Amino acid sequence: MLYTPRTFQESDLPTLHAFMKQHSFATVISQGGGHNVSHVPLLLVPGQGDKGTLMGHLARANPHWKDFNGEQPVLCVFHGPHAYISPTWYKVRPAVPTWNYAVVHALGRPRLIDTPAELSKLIDVTLAEYEPAIGAPSHEAYLPDELRARMLEQIVGFELPIEELHGKFKLGQNRSAEDQAGMMEALAGQGGDALALLELMRERARARGRP
């Protein structure tokens, strides 16, 4: 269970889905014959099931897929931007340091996608999702049929209908408007993940009706 104070809860399905698509490289966790963890990109199919369905694949050599029997619960963690928050950025003092971040947890019971036709379709969908985003040319020339067939033998696909979906957006909502403004001003001068966190904080502030 993800500990989430009410202030930081995010339950709006379109918001959670948008976050998952933007931060699709997820941590997949299960407990079958021990604790198994894999880090893989997951594709979201929003209209499939009440909360959507996730699809992905693992190397066949990775024993993790043996937990994907349609009965074993599996947790997928989508990590968003995060950054250290200094108490010196607050207007109200005394204060303590903290860390702002956003995550979404999706829980379900995945089933295997293991026929050549299903795997081929999964790879096509994956390429269609990521290749245009980087402006890559057509991938067919780089993945001839013979090589594609050999590679498909080396992977196992899966689909996970989402049963539970929890979002935690810890973005300083528990602080005053002045403190939030101080955080945003300081984050603007940081760089890296801090700027991505700043943009998310601004988005959430606008959603709450704040400038």
N, C-alpha and C. Protein backbone atom coordinates (compact mmCIF):
# COMPACT_ATOMS: atom_id res chain seq x y z
N MET A 1 0.84 -1.19 0.00
CA MET A 1 0.00 0.00 0.00
C MET A 1 0.88 1.25 0.00
N LEU A 2 0.57 2.17 -0.87
CA LEU A 2 1.32 3.43 -0.96
C LEU A 2 0.78 4.40 0.09
N TYR A 3 1.65 4.83 1.02
CA TYR A 3 1.23 5.81 2.02
C TYR A 3 1.03 7.14 1.33
N THR A 4 -0.20 7.64 1.39
CA THR A 4 -0.53 8.89 0.69
C THR A 4 -1.47 9.74 1.53
N PRO A 5 -0.96 10.74 2.23
CA PRO A 5 -1.85 11.67 2.92
C PRO A 5 -2.84 12.29 1.94
N ARG A 6 -4.02 12.62 2.43
CA ARG A 6 -5.09 13.11 1.56
C ARG A 6 -4.64 14.30 0.71
N THR A 7 -3.83 15.16 1.28
CA THR A 7 -3.37 16.36 0.56
C THR A 7 -2.63 16.01 -0.72
N PHE A 8 -1.95 14.86 -0.72
CA PHE A 8 -1.11 14.49 -1.86
C PHE A 8 -1.77 13.46 -2.78
N GLN A 9 -2.99 13.06 -2.49
CA GLN A 9 -3.66 12.05 -3.32
C GLN A 9 -4.05 12.62 -4.67
N GLU A 10 -3.84 11.83 -5.70
CA GLU A 10 -4.30 12.17 -7.04
C GLU A 10 -5.08 10.98 -7.58
N SER A 11 -6.36 11.16 -7.83
CA SER A 11 -7.21 10.04 -8.26
C SER A 11 -7.89 10.29 -9.61
N ASP A 12 -7.64 11.44 -10.23
CA ASP A 12 -8.26 11.74 -11.52
C ASP A 12 -7.66 10.83 -12.59
N LEU A 13 -8.50 9.98 -13.21
CA LEU A 13 -7.99 8.97 -14.13
C LEU A 13 -7.26 9.57 -15.33
N PRO A 14 -7.79 10.58 -16.02
CA PRO A 14 -7.03 11.17 -17.14
C PRO A 14 -5.68 11.73 -16.71
N THR A 15 -5.62 12.32 -15.51
CA THR A 15 -4.35 12.85 -15.01
C THR A 15 -3.36 11.73 -14.78
N LEU A 16 -3.81 10.63 -14.17
CA LEU A 16 -2.94 9.49 -13.90
C LEU A 16 -2.48 8.85 -15.21
N HIS A 17 -3.39 8.70 -16.15
CA HIS A 17 -3.02 8.11 -17.44
C HIS A 17 -2.01 8.98 -18.18
N ALA A 18 -2.21 10.28 -18.17
CA ALA A 18 -1.26 11.18 -18.84
C ALA A 18 0.12 11.07 -18.21
N PHE A 19 0.16 10.98 -16.90
CA PHE A 19 1.43 10.84 -16.18
C PHE A 19 2.12 9.54 -16.56
N MET A 20 1.36 8.44 -16.62
CA MET A 20 1.92 7.13 -16.95
C MET A 20 2.48 7.10 -18.37
N LYS A 21 1.81 7.76 -19.29
CA LYS A 21 2.29 7.81 -20.66
C LYS A 21 3.57 8.65 -20.76
N GLN A 22 3.61 9.72 -20.00
CA GLN A 22 4.79 10.60 -20.04
C GLN A 22 6.00 9.95 -19.38
N HIS A 23 5.74 9.15 -18.33
CA HIS A 23 6.84 8.51 -17.58
C HIS A 23 6.67 7.00 -17.68
N SER A 24 6.76 6.48 -18.89
CA SER A 24 6.37 5.09 -19.15
C SER A 24 7.42 4.06 -18.79
N PHE A 25 8.65 4.49 -18.46
CA PHE A 25 9.67 3.52 -18.06
C PHE A 25 9.44 3.20 -16.59
N ALA A 26 8.89 2.01 -16.33
CA ALA A 26 8.37 1.68 -15.00
C ALA A 26 9.20 0.61 -14.30
N THR A 27 9.02 0.52 -13.00
CA THR A 27 9.58 -0.55 -12.18
C THR A 27 8.47 -1.56 -11.94
N VAL A 28 8.70 -2.80 -12.35
CA VAL A 28 7.71 -3.87 -12.22
C VAL A 28 8.16 -4.82 -11.12
N ILE A 29 7.28 -5.05 -10.13
CA ILE A 29 7.65 -5.79 -8.93
C ILE A 29 6.64 -6.90 -8.67
N SER A 30 7.15 -8.09 -8.38
CA SER A 30 6.28 -9.20 -7.99
C SER A 30 6.98 -10.05 -6.94
N GLN A 31 6.22 -10.93 -6.32
CA GLN A 31 6.77 -11.82 -5.30
C GLN A 31 6.25 -13.22 -5.56
N GLY A 32 6.97 -13.95 -6.39
CA GLY A 32 6.61 -15.33 -6.68
C GLY A 32 7.55 -16.23 -5.92
N GLY A 33 8.57 -16.73 -6.62
CA GLY A 33 9.59 -17.52 -5.94
C GLY A 33 10.67 -16.62 -5.40
N GLY A 34 10.31 -15.58 -4.68
CA GLY A 34 11.23 -14.56 -4.21
C GLY A 34 10.79 -13.21 -4.73
N HIS A 35 11.53 -12.16 -4.41
CA HIS A 35 11.21 -10.83 -4.90
C HIS A 35 11.82 -10.64 -6.30
N ASN A 36 10.98 -10.31 -7.26
CA ASN A 36 11.45 -10.09 -8.62
C ASN A 36 11.17 -8.65 -9.04
N VAL A 37 12.17 -8.01 -9.63
CA VAL A 37 12.06 -6.61 -10.05
C VAL A 37 12.64 -6.47 -11.45
N SER A 38 11.90 -5.79 -12.33
CA SER A 38 12.40 -5.47 -13.67
C SER A 38 12.07 -4.01 -13.98
N HIS A 39 12.89 -3.42 -14.82
CA HIS A 39 12.68 -2.03 -15.25
C HIS A 39 12.42 -2.04 -16.75
N VAL A 40 11.20 -1.71 -17.13
CA VAL A 40 10.79 -1.84 -18.54
C VAL A 40 9.84 -0.71 -18.93
N PRO A 41 9.81 -0.36 -20.22
CA PRO A 41 8.77 0.57 -20.69
C PRO A 41 7.44 -0.16 -20.76
N LEU A 42 6.37 0.52 -20.36
CA LEU A 42 5.04 -0.06 -20.39
C LEU A 42 4.12 0.82 -21.23
N LEU A 43 3.38 0.18 -22.12
CA LEU A 43 2.41 0.89 -22.96
C LEU A 43 1.05 0.85 -22.29
N LEU A 44 0.38 1.98 -22.27
CA LEU A 44 -0.95 2.08 -21.67
C LEU A 44 -2.02 2.05 -22.75
N VAL A 45 -3.01 1.17 -22.57
CA VAL A 45 -4.19 1.13 -23.43
C VAL A 45 -5.35 1.66 -22.59
N PRO A 46 -5.68 2.95 -22.69
CA PRO A 46 -6.64 3.57 -21.75
C PRO A 46 -8.03 2.96 -21.79
N GLY A 47 -8.56 2.63 -22.96
CA GLY A 47 -9.94 2.19 -23.06
C GLY A 47 -10.17 0.72 -22.81
N GLN A 48 -9.14 0.01 -22.44
CA GLN A 48 -9.25 -1.44 -22.23
C GLN A 48 -9.36 -1.71 -20.73
N GLY A 49 -10.59 -1.93 -20.24
CA GLY A 49 -10.83 -2.10 -18.81
C GLY A 49 -11.17 -0.77 -18.16
N ASP A 50 -11.69 -0.84 -16.93
CA ASP A 50 -12.12 0.37 -16.22
C ASP A 50 -10.98 1.36 -16.01
N LYS A 51 -9.81 0.85 -15.70
CA LYS A 51 -8.67 1.71 -15.38
C LYS A 51 -7.57 1.64 -16.44
N GLY A 52 -7.83 0.89 -17.52
CA GLY A 52 -6.83 0.74 -18.56
C GLY A 52 -6.05 -0.55 -18.42
N THR A 53 -5.23 -0.84 -19.41
CA THR A 53 -4.40 -2.05 -19.43
C THR A 53 -2.98 -1.67 -19.82
N LEU A 54 -2.01 -2.31 -19.18
CA LEU A 54 -0.60 -2.08 -19.49
C LEU A 54 -0.05 -3.25 -20.29
N MET A 55 0.85 -2.95 -21.21
CA MET A 55 1.48 -3.98 -22.03
C MET A 55 2.99 -3.76 -22.05
N GLY A 56 3.72 -4.85 -22.05
CA GLY A 56 5.17 -4.75 -22.10
C GLY A 56 5.79 -6.08 -22.43
N HIS A 57 7.12 -6.15 -22.37
CA HIS A 57 7.79 -7.42 -22.62
C HIS A 57 9.08 -7.48 -21.83
N LEU A 58 9.52 -8.73 -21.60
CA LEU A 58 10.76 -9.02 -20.89
C LEU A 58 11.61 -9.95 -21.74
N ALA A 59 12.90 -9.98 -21.46
CA ALA A 59 13.76 -10.99 -22.07
C ALA A 59 13.32 -12.36 -21.59
N ARG A 60 13.27 -13.32 -22.50
CA ARG A 60 12.88 -14.67 -22.10
C ARG A 60 13.84 -15.24 -21.06
N ALA A 61 15.08 -14.79 -21.08
CA ALA A 61 16.06 -15.26 -20.10
C ALA A 61 15.80 -14.72 -18.70
N ASN A 62 14.94 -13.70 -18.60
CA ASN A 62 14.60 -13.11 -17.31
C ASN A 62 13.50 -13.95 -16.65
N PRO A 63 13.77 -14.62 -15.53
CA PRO A 63 12.76 -15.51 -14.93
C PRO A 63 11.55 -14.77 -14.36
N HIS A 64 11.60 -13.45 -14.34
CA HIS A 64 10.50 -12.67 -13.77
C HIS A 64 9.17 -13.00 -14.42
N TRP A 65 9.17 -13.27 -15.72
CA TRP A 65 7.91 -13.50 -16.44
C TRP A 65 7.17 -14.73 -15.94
N LYS A 66 7.85 -15.61 -15.24
CA LYS A 66 7.18 -16.81 -14.72
C LYS A 66 6.17 -16.48 -13.63
N ASP A 67 6.23 -15.27 -13.08
CA ASP A 67 5.23 -14.82 -12.11
C ASP A 67 3.95 -14.35 -12.81
N PHE A 68 3.99 -14.17 -14.11
CA PHE A 68 2.87 -13.57 -14.83
C PHE A 68 1.88 -14.65 -15.29
N ASN A 69 1.18 -15.22 -14.31
CA ASN A 69 0.30 -16.35 -14.57
C ASN A 69 -1.18 -15.99 -14.52
N GLY A 70 -1.49 -14.69 -14.47
CA GLY A 70 -2.88 -14.27 -14.40
C GLY A 70 -3.47 -14.31 -13.01
N GLU A 71 -2.70 -14.80 -12.04
CA GLU A 71 -3.17 -14.91 -10.66
C GLU A 71 -2.29 -14.12 -9.69
N GLN A 72 -1.00 -14.08 -9.96
CA GLN A 72 -0.05 -13.41 -9.08
C GLN A 72 -0.15 -11.89 -9.23
N PRO A 73 -0.41 -11.14 -8.15
CA PRO A 73 -0.45 -9.67 -8.28
C PRO A 73 0.93 -9.10 -8.58
N VAL A 74 0.94 -8.10 -9.44
CA VAL A 74 2.19 -7.44 -9.85
C VAL A 74 2.00 -5.93 -9.73
N LEU A 75 2.99 -5.28 -9.17
CA LEU A 75 2.95 -3.83 -8.98
C LEU A 75 3.85 -3.14 -9.99
N CYS A 76 3.31 -2.11 -10.65
CA CYS A 76 4.08 -1.31 -11.61
C CYS A 76 4.18 0.11 -11.07
N VAL A 77 5.39 0.61 -10.91
CA VAL A 77 5.62 1.94 -10.34
C VAL A 77 6.13 2.88 -11.43
N PHE A 78 5.40 3.97 -11.65
CA PHE A 78 5.78 4.98 -12.63
C PHE A 78 6.36 6.17 -11.87
N HIS A 79 7.63 6.45 -12.12
CA HIS A 79 8.35 7.49 -11.38
C HIS A 79 8.35 8.79 -12.18
N GLY A 80 7.96 9.87 -11.54
CA GLY A 80 8.01 11.18 -12.17
C GLY A 80 9.19 11.98 -11.68
N PRO A 81 9.21 13.28 -11.96
CA PRO A 81 10.32 14.13 -11.52
C PRO A 81 10.33 14.27 -10.00
N HIS A 82 11.51 14.54 -9.45
CA HIS A 82 11.65 14.70 -8.00
C HIS A 82 12.82 15.63 -7.72
N ALA A 83 12.83 16.22 -6.54
CA ALA A 83 13.94 17.12 -6.19
C ALA A 83 13.92 17.41 -4.69
N TYR A 84 15.09 17.69 -4.18
CA TYR A 84 15.24 18.11 -2.79
C TYR A 84 14.65 19.51 -2.61
N ILE A 85 13.98 19.70 -1.48
CA ILE A 85 13.38 21.00 -1.16
C ILE A 85 14.03 21.54 0.12
N SER A 86 14.70 22.66 -0.01
CA SER A 86 15.41 23.24 1.12
C SER A 86 14.46 24.08 1.99
N PRO A 87 14.58 24.00 3.31
CA PRO A 87 13.74 24.83 4.18
C PRO A 87 14.04 26.32 4.02
N THR A 88 15.19 26.65 3.44
CA THR A 88 15.53 28.06 3.24
C THR A 88 14.68 28.70 2.14
N TRP A 89 13.95 27.87 1.37
CA TRP A 89 13.12 28.40 0.30
C TRP A 89 11.74 28.84 0.79
N TYR A 90 11.41 28.46 2.02
CA TYR A 90 10.09 28.80 2.56
C TYR A 90 10.09 30.22 3.13
N LYS A 91 8.91 30.83 3.10
CA LYS A 91 8.73 32.13 3.73
C LYS A 91 8.42 31.97 5.21
N VAL A 92 7.70 30.89 5.54
CA VAL A 92 7.31 30.62 6.92
C VAL A 92 8.36 29.74 7.58
N ARG A 93 8.89 30.17 8.72
CA ARG A 93 9.93 29.43 9.43
C ARG A 93 9.60 29.41 10.92
N PRO A 94 10.11 28.38 11.66
CA PRO A 94 11.06 27.35 11.26
C PRO A 94 10.42 26.33 10.32
N ALA A 95 11.27 25.62 9.57
CA ALA A 95 10.81 24.61 8.62
C ALA A 95 11.89 23.54 8.52
N VAL A 96 11.52 22.42 7.91
CA VAL A 96 12.46 21.30 7.77
C VAL A 96 12.62 20.96 6.29
N PRO A 97 13.74 20.35 5.92
CA PRO A 97 13.94 19.94 4.53
C PRO A 97 13.01 18.77 4.17
N THR A 98 12.74 18.62 2.88
CA THR A 98 11.91 17.51 2.42
C THR A 98 12.25 17.19 0.98
N TRP A 99 11.48 16.30 0.39
CA TRP A 99 11.69 15.92 -1.00
C TRP A 99 10.32 15.95 -1.69
N ASN A 100 10.22 16.64 -2.80
CA ASN A 100 8.98 16.66 -3.58
C ASN A 100 9.10 15.66 -4.73
N TYR A 101 8.00 14.98 -5.03
CA TYR A 101 8.04 13.96 -6.09
C TYR A 101 6.62 13.60 -6.50
N ALA A 102 6.54 12.84 -7.59
CA ALA A 102 5.25 12.32 -8.05
C ALA A 102 5.45 10.89 -8.54
N VAL A 103 4.53 10.01 -8.13
CA VAL A 103 4.57 8.61 -8.56
C VAL A 103 3.15 8.12 -8.79
N VAL A 104 3.03 7.11 -9.63
CA VAL A 104 1.76 6.41 -9.81
C VAL A 104 2.03 4.91 -9.67
N HIS A 105 1.19 4.24 -8.87
CA HIS A 105 1.29 2.79 -8.69
C HIS A 105 0.10 2.12 -9.37
N ALA A 106 0.38 1.13 -10.20
CA ALA A 106 -0.67 0.35 -10.87
C ALA A 106 -0.51 -1.10 -10.46
N LEU A 107 -1.61 -1.71 -10.03
CA LEU A 107 -1.58 -3.11 -9.57
C LEU A 107 -2.51 -3.94 -10.43
N GLY A 108 -2.06 -5.13 -10.82
CA GLY A 108 -2.89 -6.03 -11.60
C GLY A 108 -2.28 -7.41 -11.66
N ARG A 109 -2.94 -8.30 -12.41
CA ARG A 109 -2.49 -9.69 -12.54
C ARG A 109 -2.24 -9.96 -14.02
N PRO A 110 -0.99 -9.86 -14.44
CA PRO A 110 -0.68 -9.96 -15.87
C PRO A 110 -0.81 -11.37 -16.43
N ARG A 111 -1.14 -11.44 -17.70
CA ARG A 111 -1.13 -12.70 -18.43
C ARG A 111 -0.08 -12.58 -19.52
N LEU A 112 0.44 -13.74 -19.93
CA LEU A 112 1.51 -13.75 -20.93
C LEU A 112 0.97 -13.54 -22.34
N ILE A 113 1.77 -12.87 -23.14
CA ILE A 113 1.56 -12.75 -24.58
C ILE A 113 2.72 -13.49 -25.22
N ASP A 114 2.48 -14.69 -25.73
CA ASP A 114 3.61 -15.53 -26.09
C ASP A 114 3.49 -16.21 -27.45
N THR A 115 2.48 -15.83 -28.25
CA THR A 115 2.41 -16.39 -29.60
C THR A 115 3.16 -15.44 -30.54
N PRO A 116 3.73 -15.94 -31.63
CA PRO A 116 4.47 -15.07 -32.56
C PRO A 116 3.62 -13.90 -33.05
N ALA A 117 2.34 -14.16 -33.34
CA ALA A 117 1.49 -13.08 -33.87
C ALA A 117 1.27 -12.00 -32.81
N GLU A 118 0.99 -12.41 -31.57
CA GLU A 118 0.77 -11.44 -30.50
C GLU A 118 2.03 -10.64 -30.21
N LEU A 119 3.17 -11.34 -30.16
CA LEU A 119 4.43 -10.65 -29.88
C LEU A 119 4.77 -9.66 -30.99
N SER A 120 4.55 -10.08 -32.23
CA SER A 120 4.85 -9.19 -33.35
C SER A 120 4.00 -7.93 -33.29
N LYS A 121 2.72 -8.09 -32.94
CA LYS A 121 1.84 -6.92 -32.81
C LYS A 121 2.30 -6.02 -31.68
N LEU A 122 2.73 -6.63 -30.56
CA LEU A 122 3.21 -5.85 -29.42
C LEU A 122 4.43 -5.02 -29.80
N ILE A 123 5.35 -5.62 -30.53
CA ILE A 123 6.54 -4.88 -30.95
C ILE A 123 6.17 -3.75 -31.90
N ASP A 124 5.23 -4.00 -32.81
CA ASP A 124 4.78 -2.95 -33.73
C ASP A 124 4.19 -1.77 -32.97
N VAL A 125 3.38 -2.07 -31.96
CA VAL A 125 2.76 -1.02 -31.15
C VAL A 125 3.83 -0.24 -30.38
N THR A 126 4.82 -0.95 -29.86
CA THR A 126 5.91 -0.30 -29.11
C THR A 126 6.70 0.63 -30.01
N LEU A 127 7.05 0.15 -31.21
CA LEU A 127 7.81 1.00 -32.14
C LEU A 127 6.99 2.21 -32.57
N ALA A 128 5.69 2.00 -32.79
CA ALA A 128 4.83 3.11 -33.20
C ALA A 128 4.71 4.16 -32.11
N GLU A 129 4.88 3.74 -30.86
CA GLU A 129 4.78 4.67 -29.73
C GLU A 129 6.04 5.51 -29.58
N TYR A 130 7.21 4.88 -29.73
CA TYR A 130 8.45 5.55 -29.36
C TYR A 130 9.27 6.09 -30.53
N GLU A 131 9.23 5.43 -31.67
CA GLU A 131 10.06 5.88 -32.79
C GLU A 131 9.68 7.28 -33.29
N PRO A 132 8.39 7.59 -33.52
CA PRO A 132 8.06 8.94 -34.00
C PRO A 132 8.44 10.03 -33.01
N ALA A 133 8.45 9.69 -31.71
CA ALA A 133 8.74 10.69 -30.68
C ALA A 133 10.16 11.22 -30.77
N ILE A 134 11.07 10.42 -31.36
CA ILE A 134 12.47 10.86 -31.48
C ILE A 134 12.79 11.23 -32.92
N GLY A 135 11.76 11.25 -33.78
CA GLY A 135 11.98 11.65 -35.17
C GLY A 135 12.77 10.64 -35.97
N ALA A 136 12.69 9.35 -35.57
CA ALA A 136 13.45 8.32 -36.28
C ALA A 136 12.81 7.99 -37.63
N PRO A 137 13.63 7.60 -38.60
CA PRO A 137 13.06 7.16 -39.88
C PRO A 137 12.38 5.81 -39.72
N SER A 138 11.78 5.32 -40.77
CA SER A 138 11.11 4.02 -40.72
C SER A 138 12.07 2.96 -40.22
N HIS A 139 11.58 2.12 -39.29
CA HIS A 139 12.46 1.14 -38.66
C HIS A 139 12.61 -0.13 -39.48
N GLU A 140 11.80 -0.31 -40.53
CA GLU A 140 11.83 -1.57 -41.26
C GLU A 140 13.22 -1.89 -41.80
N ALA A 141 13.93 -0.88 -42.27
CA ALA A 141 15.26 -1.11 -42.84
C ALA A 141 16.25 -1.59 -41.80
N TYR A 142 15.99 -1.29 -40.53
CA TYR A 142 16.92 -1.65 -39.46
C TYR A 142 16.50 -2.95 -38.76
N LEU A 143 15.33 -3.47 -39.11
CA LEU A 143 14.84 -4.67 -38.46
C LEU A 143 14.26 -5.61 -39.52
N PRO A 144 15.13 -6.22 -40.32
CA PRO A 144 14.65 -7.13 -41.37
C PRO A 144 13.91 -8.32 -40.77
N ASP A 145 13.09 -8.97 -41.58
CA ASP A 145 12.21 -10.04 -41.09
C ASP A 145 12.97 -11.16 -40.39
N GLU A 146 14.10 -11.55 -40.94
CA GLU A 146 14.86 -12.66 -40.34
C GLU A 146 15.33 -12.30 -38.93
N LEU A 147 15.88 -11.10 -38.78
CA LEU A 147 16.36 -10.66 -37.47
C LEU A 147 15.17 -10.51 -36.52
N ARG A 148 14.07 -9.94 -37.02
CA ARG A 148 12.88 -9.75 -36.19
C ARG A 148 12.38 -11.09 -35.65
N ALA A 149 12.34 -12.12 -36.51
CA ALA A 149 11.87 -13.43 -36.08
C ALA A 149 12.76 -14.01 -34.99
N ARG A 150 14.07 -13.83 -35.13
CA ARG A 150 14.99 -14.35 -34.11
C ARG A 150 14.81 -13.60 -32.79
N MET A 151 14.62 -12.29 -32.87
CA MET A 151 14.47 -11.49 -31.66
C MET A 151 13.16 -11.82 -30.93
N LEU A 152 12.11 -12.09 -31.68
CA LEU A 152 10.83 -12.42 -31.05
C LEU A 152 10.93 -13.70 -30.23
N GLU A 153 11.83 -14.60 -30.63
CA GLU A 153 12.02 -15.83 -29.87
C GLU A 153 12.69 -15.57 -28.53
N GLN A 154 13.29 -14.40 -28.38
CA GLN A 154 14.05 -14.09 -27.17
C GLN A 154 13.29 -13.26 -26.15
N ILE A 155 12.01 -12.98 -26.43
CA ILE A 155 11.24 -12.15 -25.50
C ILE A 155 9.92 -12.82 -25.14
N VAL A 156 9.35 -12.35 -24.04
CA VAL A 156 8.02 -12.78 -23.60
C VAL A 156 7.22 -11.51 -23.33
N GLY A 157 6.04 -11.40 -23.92
CA GLY A 157 5.19 -10.24 -23.70
C GLY A 157 4.17 -10.49 -22.61
N PHE A 158 3.56 -9.42 -22.15
CA PHE A 158 2.51 -9.55 -21.13
C PHE A 158 1.57 -8.36 -21.22
N GLU A 159 0.34 -8.59 -20.76
CA GLU A 159 -0.62 -7.50 -20.60
C GLU A 159 -1.20 -7.58 -19.21
N LEU A 160 -1.37 -6.41 -18.60
CA LEU A 160 -1.80 -6.31 -17.21
C LEU A 160 -3.03 -5.40 -17.11
N PRO A 161 -4.22 -5.97 -16.96
CA PRO A 161 -5.40 -5.14 -16.71
C PRO A 161 -5.26 -4.50 -15.33
N ILE A 162 -5.37 -3.18 -15.27
CA ILE A 162 -5.15 -2.47 -14.01
C ILE A 162 -6.35 -2.65 -13.09
N GLU A 163 -6.10 -3.18 -11.90
CA GLU A 163 -7.14 -3.37 -10.90
C GLU A 163 -7.17 -2.22 -9.90
N GLU A 164 -6.00 -1.72 -9.55
CA GLU A 164 -5.89 -0.60 -8.61
C GLU A 164 -4.91 0.42 -9.20
N LEU A 165 -5.23 1.69 -8.98
CA LEU A 165 -4.40 2.78 -9.50
C LEU A 165 -4.34 3.87 -8.45
N HIS A 166 -3.12 4.18 -8.01
CA HIS A 166 -2.93 5.17 -6.94
C HIS A 166 -1.89 6.20 -7.37
N GLY A 167 -2.21 7.45 -7.20
CA GLY A 167 -1.27 8.52 -7.51
C GLY A 167 -0.91 9.30 -6.27
N LYS A 168 0.37 9.59 -6.13
CA LYS A 168 0.84 10.45 -5.03
C LYS A 168 1.67 11.56 -5.65
N PHE A 169 1.12 12.78 -5.58
CA PHE A 169 1.81 13.95 -6.10
C PHE A 169 2.16 14.84 -4.90
N LYS A 170 3.33 14.62 -4.35
CA LYS A 170 3.79 15.39 -3.18
C LYS A 170 4.52 16.62 -3.70
N LEU A 171 3.80 17.71 -3.84
CA LEU A 171 4.31 18.90 -4.52
C LEU A 171 4.23 20.16 -3.66
N GLY A 172 4.20 19.98 -2.36
CA GLY A 172 4.17 21.13 -1.47
C GLY A 172 2.79 21.72 -1.28
N GLN A 173 1.72 20.93 -1.61
CA GLN A 173 0.36 21.45 -1.47
C GLN A 173 0.00 21.76 -0.02
N ASN A 174 0.75 21.18 0.91
CA ASN A 174 0.49 21.40 2.34
C ASN A 174 1.10 22.71 2.84
N ARG A 175 1.84 23.40 1.99
CA ARG A 175 2.45 24.67 2.37
C ARG A 175 1.59 25.83 1.89
N SER A 176 1.86 26.99 2.44
CA SER A 176 1.12 28.20 2.05
C SER A 176 1.44 28.59 0.62
N ALA A 177 0.63 29.46 0.05
CA ALA A 177 0.87 29.95 -1.31
C ALA A 177 2.24 30.64 -1.39
N GLU A 178 2.61 31.36 -0.32
CA GLU A 178 3.91 32.04 -0.31
C GLU A 178 5.05 31.04 -0.31
N ASP A 179 4.91 29.97 0.48
CA ASP A 179 5.95 28.94 0.51
C ASP A 179 6.06 28.23 -0.84
N GLN A 180 4.92 27.96 -1.45
CA GLN A 180 4.94 27.31 -2.76
C GLN A 180 5.63 28.19 -3.80
N ALA A 181 5.36 29.49 -3.72
CA ALA A 181 6.01 30.42 -4.65
C ALA A 181 7.53 30.43 -4.42
N GLY A 182 7.94 30.35 -3.15
CA GLY A 182 9.37 30.30 -2.84
C GLY A 182 10.03 29.05 -3.38
N MET A 183 9.33 27.91 -3.26
CA MET A 183 9.86 26.66 -3.81
C MET A 183 10.04 26.77 -5.32
N MET A 184 9.01 27.27 -5.99
CA MET A 184 9.05 27.35 -7.46
C MET A 184 10.16 28.29 -7.93
N GLU A 185 10.32 29.39 -7.24
CA GLU A 185 11.36 30.35 -7.62
C GLU A 185 12.74 29.72 -7.49
N ALA A 186 12.95 28.95 -6.41
CA ALA A 186 14.26 28.33 -6.20
C ALA A 186 14.49 27.19 -7.19
N LEU A 187 13.46 26.39 -7.46
CA LEU A 187 13.61 25.27 -8.39
C LEU A 187 13.94 25.77 -9.79
N ALA A 188 13.44 26.94 -10.16
CA ALA A 188 13.70 27.50 -11.48
C ALA A 188 15.19 27.72 -11.72
N GLY A 189 15.95 27.86 -10.66
CA GLY A 189 17.39 28.09 -10.80
C GLY A 189 18.22 26.85 -10.65
N GLN A 190 17.60 25.69 -10.55
CA GLN A 190 18.33 24.45 -10.32
C GLN A 190 18.76 23.76 -11.61
N GLY A 191 17.82 23.22 -12.37
CA GLY A 191 18.17 22.46 -13.56
C GLY A 191 17.84 20.99 -13.39
N GLY A 192 17.97 20.24 -14.47
CA GLY A 192 17.71 18.80 -14.42
C GLY A 192 16.29 18.47 -14.02
N ASP A 193 16.14 17.48 -13.15
CA ASP A 193 14.84 17.03 -12.69
C ASP A 193 14.07 18.13 -11.98
N ALA A 194 14.80 19.08 -11.40
CA ALA A 194 14.14 20.16 -10.67
C ALA A 194 13.23 20.97 -11.60
N LEU A 195 13.65 21.16 -12.85
CA LEU A 195 12.84 21.93 -13.79
C LEU A 195 11.59 21.15 -14.20
N ALA A 196 11.73 19.82 -14.36
CA ALA A 196 10.57 18.99 -14.68
C ALA A 196 9.59 18.99 -13.50
N LEU A 197 10.12 18.95 -12.29
CA LEU A 197 9.27 19.02 -11.10
C LEU A 197 8.57 20.36 -11.03
N LEU A 198 9.28 21.42 -11.33
CA LEU A 198 8.70 22.77 -11.32
C LEU A 198 7.53 22.85 -12.29
N GLU A 199 7.68 22.31 -13.48
CA GLU A 199 6.60 22.34 -14.47
C GLU A 199 5.38 21.58 -13.97
N LEU A 200 5.62 20.43 -13.32
CA LEU A 200 4.51 19.66 -12.78
C LEU A 200 3.82 20.43 -11.66
N MET A 201 4.59 21.09 -10.81
CA MET A 201 4.00 21.89 -9.73
C MET A 201 3.16 23.01 -10.31
N ARG A 202 3.64 23.65 -11.37
CA ARG A 202 2.88 24.72 -12.01
C ARG A 202 1.58 24.19 -12.61
N GLU A 203 1.65 23.02 -13.25
CA GLU A 203 0.46 22.41 -13.84
C GLU A 203 -0.60 22.13 -12.77
N ARG A 204 -0.16 21.56 -11.66
CA ARG A 204 -1.10 21.21 -10.59
C ARG A 204 -1.66 22.47 -9.94
N ALA A 205 -0.82 23.52 -9.83
CA ALA A 205 -1.31 24.79 -9.27
C ALA A 205 -2.39 25.38 -10.15
N ARG A 206 -2.16 25.33 -11.49
CA ARG A 206 -3.18 25.83 -12.41
C ARG A 206 -4.47 25.01 -12.32
N ALA A 207 -4.32 23.71 -12.12
CA ALA A 207 -5.51 22.85 -12.00
C ALA A 207 -6.30 23.18 -10.74
N ARG A 208 -5.61 23.70 -9.72
CA ARG A 208 -6.30 24.09 -8.48
C ARG A 208 -6.79 25.53 -8.54
N GLY A 209 -6.57 26.19 -9.68
CA GLY A 209 -7.05 27.55 -9.82
C GLY A 209 -6.09 28.62 -9.35
N ARG A 210 -4.82 28.22 -9.16
CA ARG A 210 -3.80 29.20 -8.77
C ARG A 210 -2.97 29.58 -9.98
N PRO A 211 -2.47 30.80 -10.04
CA PRO A 211 -1.66 31.22 -11.19
C PRO A 211 -0.31 30.52 -11.22
